[in-house]
N, C-alpha and C. Protein backbone atom coordinates (compact mmCIF):
# COMPACT_ATOMS: atom_id res chain seq x y z
N MET A 1 23.99 59.31 -144.68
CA MET A 1 23.56 60.68 -144.89
C MET A 1 22.38 60.99 -143.97
N SER A 2 22.35 62.19 -143.43
CA SER A 2 21.25 62.58 -142.53
C SER A 2 20.01 62.95 -143.34
N GLN A 3 18.89 62.72 -142.71
CA GLN A 3 17.63 63.01 -143.37
C GLN A 3 17.25 64.47 -143.17
N ILE A 4 16.65 65.09 -144.19
CA ILE A 4 16.22 66.47 -144.10
C ILE A 4 14.91 66.52 -143.32
N PRO A 5 14.84 67.36 -142.28
CA PRO A 5 13.59 67.44 -141.50
C PRO A 5 12.45 68.08 -142.28
N HIS A 6 11.26 67.64 -142.00
CA HIS A 6 10.05 68.19 -142.66
C HIS A 6 9.47 69.23 -141.70
N LEU A 7 9.63 70.50 -142.01
CA LEU A 7 9.16 71.58 -141.15
C LEU A 7 8.06 72.36 -141.85
N LEU A 8 7.08 72.80 -141.06
CA LEU A 8 5.92 73.47 -141.61
C LEU A 8 5.75 74.87 -141.04
N THR A 9 5.22 75.77 -141.87
CA THR A 9 4.87 77.11 -141.42
C THR A 9 3.46 77.08 -140.86
N ILE A 10 3.06 78.16 -140.21
CA ILE A 10 1.71 78.27 -139.65
C ILE A 10 0.66 78.14 -140.78
N GLY A 11 0.93 78.76 -141.92
CA GLY A 11 0.02 78.71 -143.05
C GLY A 11 -0.15 77.31 -143.58
N ARG A 12 0.96 76.57 -143.64
CA ARG A 12 0.91 75.21 -144.14
C ARG A 12 0.15 74.29 -143.16
N ILE A 13 0.39 74.51 -141.88
CA ILE A 13 -0.33 73.73 -140.84
C ILE A 13 -1.83 74.00 -140.96
N ALA A 14 -2.20 75.26 -141.12
CA ALA A 14 -3.61 75.62 -141.23
C ALA A 14 -4.23 74.95 -142.45
N ALA A 15 -3.53 74.96 -143.57
CA ALA A 15 -4.07 74.34 -144.77
C ALA A 15 -4.21 72.82 -144.59
N GLU A 16 -3.25 72.18 -144.00
CA GLU A 16 -3.32 70.71 -143.81
C GLU A 16 -4.39 70.31 -142.82
N GLU A 17 -4.64 71.17 -141.83
CA GLU A 17 -5.64 70.87 -140.81
C GLU A 17 -7.04 71.38 -141.18
N GLY A 18 -7.16 72.14 -142.25
CA GLY A 18 -8.47 72.68 -142.64
C GLY A 18 -8.93 73.78 -141.68
N GLU A 19 -8.00 74.50 -141.11
CA GLU A 19 -8.29 75.59 -140.16
C GLU A 19 -7.81 76.91 -140.75
N THR A 20 -8.23 77.99 -140.08
CA THR A 20 -7.73 79.30 -140.49
C THR A 20 -6.37 79.57 -139.86
N VAL A 21 -5.60 80.40 -140.47
CA VAL A 21 -4.29 80.79 -139.91
C VAL A 21 -4.51 81.42 -138.54
N ARG A 22 -5.54 82.23 -138.41
CA ARG A 22 -5.82 82.90 -137.14
C ARG A 22 -6.08 81.91 -136.01
N ARG A 23 -6.74 80.79 -136.32
CA ARG A 23 -7.01 79.79 -135.27
C ARG A 23 -5.73 79.08 -134.84
N ILE A 24 -4.85 78.82 -135.79
CA ILE A 24 -3.55 78.23 -135.47
C ILE A 24 -2.73 79.20 -134.65
N GLN A 25 -2.75 80.50 -135.00
CA GLN A 25 -2.03 81.51 -134.24
C GLN A 25 -2.56 81.57 -132.82
N TYR A 26 -3.88 81.48 -132.65
CA TYR A 26 -4.47 81.51 -131.32
C TYR A 26 -3.94 80.36 -130.48
N VAL A 27 -3.92 79.15 -131.05
CA VAL A 27 -3.41 77.98 -130.32
C VAL A 27 -1.96 78.22 -129.92
N LEU A 28 -1.16 78.75 -130.80
CA LEU A 28 0.26 78.95 -130.48
C LEU A 28 0.50 80.04 -129.44
N THR A 29 -0.34 81.09 -129.46
CA THR A 29 -0.13 82.14 -128.48
C THR A 29 -0.71 81.75 -127.12
N SER A 30 -1.74 80.91 -127.12
CA SER A 30 -2.35 80.53 -125.84
C SER A 30 -1.68 79.32 -125.21
N ARG A 31 -0.76 78.71 -125.90
CA ARG A 31 -0.04 77.55 -125.37
C ARG A 31 1.46 77.75 -125.64
N PRO A 32 2.10 78.48 -124.72
CA PRO A 32 3.51 78.85 -124.92
C PRO A 32 4.47 77.67 -124.93
N HIS A 33 4.01 76.47 -124.51
CA HIS A 33 4.89 75.31 -124.54
C HIS A 33 5.10 74.78 -125.98
N ILE A 34 4.24 75.19 -126.92
CA ILE A 34 4.42 74.80 -128.32
C ILE A 34 5.31 75.86 -128.97
N LYS A 35 6.56 75.45 -129.21
CA LYS A 35 7.53 76.43 -129.72
C LYS A 35 8.01 76.00 -131.11
N PRO A 36 8.40 76.97 -131.93
CA PRO A 36 8.98 76.63 -133.24
C PRO A 36 10.30 75.91 -133.05
N ILE A 37 10.61 75.04 -133.97
CA ILE A 37 11.86 74.27 -133.94
C ILE A 37 12.96 75.02 -134.67
N ALA A 38 12.56 75.91 -135.58
CA ALA A 38 13.56 76.65 -136.37
C ALA A 38 12.95 77.95 -136.89
N LEU A 39 13.81 78.82 -137.37
CA LEU A 39 13.37 80.08 -138.00
C LEU A 39 14.00 80.17 -139.40
N ALA A 40 13.23 80.68 -140.32
CA ALA A 40 13.71 81.00 -141.66
C ALA A 40 13.39 82.47 -141.87
N GLY A 41 14.33 83.34 -141.57
CA GLY A 41 14.04 84.76 -141.53
C GLY A 41 13.15 85.03 -140.35
N ASN A 42 11.98 85.60 -140.59
CA ASN A 42 11.00 85.83 -139.53
C ASN A 42 9.94 84.72 -139.46
N THR A 43 10.03 83.77 -140.32
CA THR A 43 9.05 82.70 -140.39
C THR A 43 9.40 81.59 -139.40
N ARG A 44 8.40 81.27 -138.55
CA ARG A 44 8.60 80.18 -137.59
C ARG A 44 8.25 78.85 -138.24
N LEU A 45 9.05 77.85 -137.95
CA LEU A 45 8.87 76.52 -138.54
C LEU A 45 8.65 75.51 -137.43
N TYR A 46 7.70 74.60 -137.66
CA TYR A 46 7.30 73.61 -136.66
C TYR A 46 7.51 72.21 -137.21
N ASN A 47 7.90 71.31 -136.31
CA ASN A 47 8.10 69.91 -136.69
C ASN A 47 6.83 69.10 -136.44
N SER A 48 6.89 67.79 -136.70
CA SER A 48 5.71 66.94 -136.58
C SER A 48 5.23 66.85 -135.13
N GLN A 49 6.14 66.88 -134.17
CA GLN A 49 5.73 66.84 -132.77
C GLN A 49 4.91 68.09 -132.39
N SER A 50 5.34 69.24 -132.86
CA SER A 50 4.58 70.48 -132.63
C SER A 50 3.22 70.42 -133.30
N VAL A 51 3.17 69.89 -134.51
CA VAL A 51 1.89 69.78 -135.21
C VAL A 51 0.93 68.88 -134.43
N GLU A 52 1.44 67.81 -133.86
CA GLU A 52 0.60 66.92 -133.04
C GLU A 52 0.06 67.66 -131.82
N GLN A 53 0.90 68.50 -131.20
CA GLN A 53 0.46 69.30 -130.06
C GLN A 53 -0.64 70.28 -130.47
N ILE A 54 -0.49 70.87 -131.65
CA ILE A 54 -1.48 71.79 -132.18
C ILE A 54 -2.81 71.04 -132.43
N ARG A 55 -2.71 69.87 -133.03
CA ARG A 55 -3.93 69.04 -133.27
C ARG A 55 -4.63 68.73 -131.96
N ALA A 56 -3.87 68.36 -130.95
CA ALA A 56 -4.46 68.03 -129.66
C ALA A 56 -5.15 69.26 -129.05
N ALA A 57 -4.51 70.41 -129.17
CA ALA A 57 -5.10 71.65 -128.64
C ALA A 57 -6.40 71.98 -129.38
N LEU A 58 -6.39 71.84 -130.70
CA LEU A 58 -7.61 72.09 -131.49
C LEU A 58 -8.72 71.11 -131.09
N ALA A 59 -8.39 69.86 -130.88
CA ALA A 59 -9.38 68.87 -130.46
C ALA A 59 -9.96 69.22 -129.10
N GLU A 60 -9.08 69.69 -128.20
CA GLU A 60 -9.53 70.09 -126.87
C GLU A 60 -10.51 71.26 -126.95
N ILE A 61 -10.16 72.26 -127.77
CA ILE A 61 -11.01 73.43 -127.97
C ILE A 61 -12.38 73.02 -128.54
N ASN A 62 -12.33 72.16 -129.55
CA ASN A 62 -13.56 71.69 -130.20
C ASN A 62 -14.44 70.90 -129.22
N SER A 63 -13.81 70.06 -128.38
CA SER A 63 -14.63 69.28 -127.45
C SER A 63 -15.29 70.15 -126.39
N ARG A 64 -14.57 71.20 -125.96
CA ARG A 64 -15.15 72.14 -125.00
C ARG A 64 -16.31 72.89 -125.61
N ARG A 65 -16.15 73.26 -126.88
CA ARG A 65 -17.22 73.98 -127.59
C ARG A 65 -18.46 73.10 -127.73
N VAL A 66 -18.27 71.84 -128.12
CA VAL A 66 -19.40 70.92 -128.26
C VAL A 66 -20.08 70.71 -126.92
N ASN A 67 -19.30 70.53 -125.86
CA ASN A 67 -19.89 70.29 -124.54
C ASN A 67 -20.66 71.52 -124.07
N ARG A 68 -20.16 72.68 -124.35
CA ARG A 68 -20.84 73.94 -123.94
C ARG A 68 -22.15 74.09 -124.70
N GLU A 69 -22.17 73.73 -125.98
CA GLU A 69 -23.39 73.86 -126.78
C GLU A 69 -24.40 72.81 -126.41
N ALA A 70 -23.97 71.66 -125.85
CA ALA A 70 -24.89 70.58 -125.51
C ALA A 70 -25.59 70.84 -124.19
N VAL A 71 -25.06 71.70 -123.34
CA VAL A 71 -25.66 71.96 -122.04
C VAL A 71 -26.83 72.90 -122.19
N PRO A 72 -28.03 72.49 -121.77
CA PRO A 72 -29.20 73.41 -121.89
C PRO A 72 -29.10 74.53 -120.90
N CYS A 73 -29.57 75.70 -121.27
CA CYS A 73 -29.56 76.89 -120.41
C CYS A 73 -30.68 76.91 -119.44
């Protein structure tokens, strides 16, 4: 028997990552290579590979923010 895939909505990803939905939406719109794997009506669904890409993008954004704040003016 085939296994049922575990797919997440933007809201669920935000909740699991401790981020706002708006921040997850920003990552998805600014990185067009992260695409939904399926649709349920108008709801986009993402798999674990997409979630990993989102995590990496958030980490990149956070590291740039920290580096920018650490540089004296």
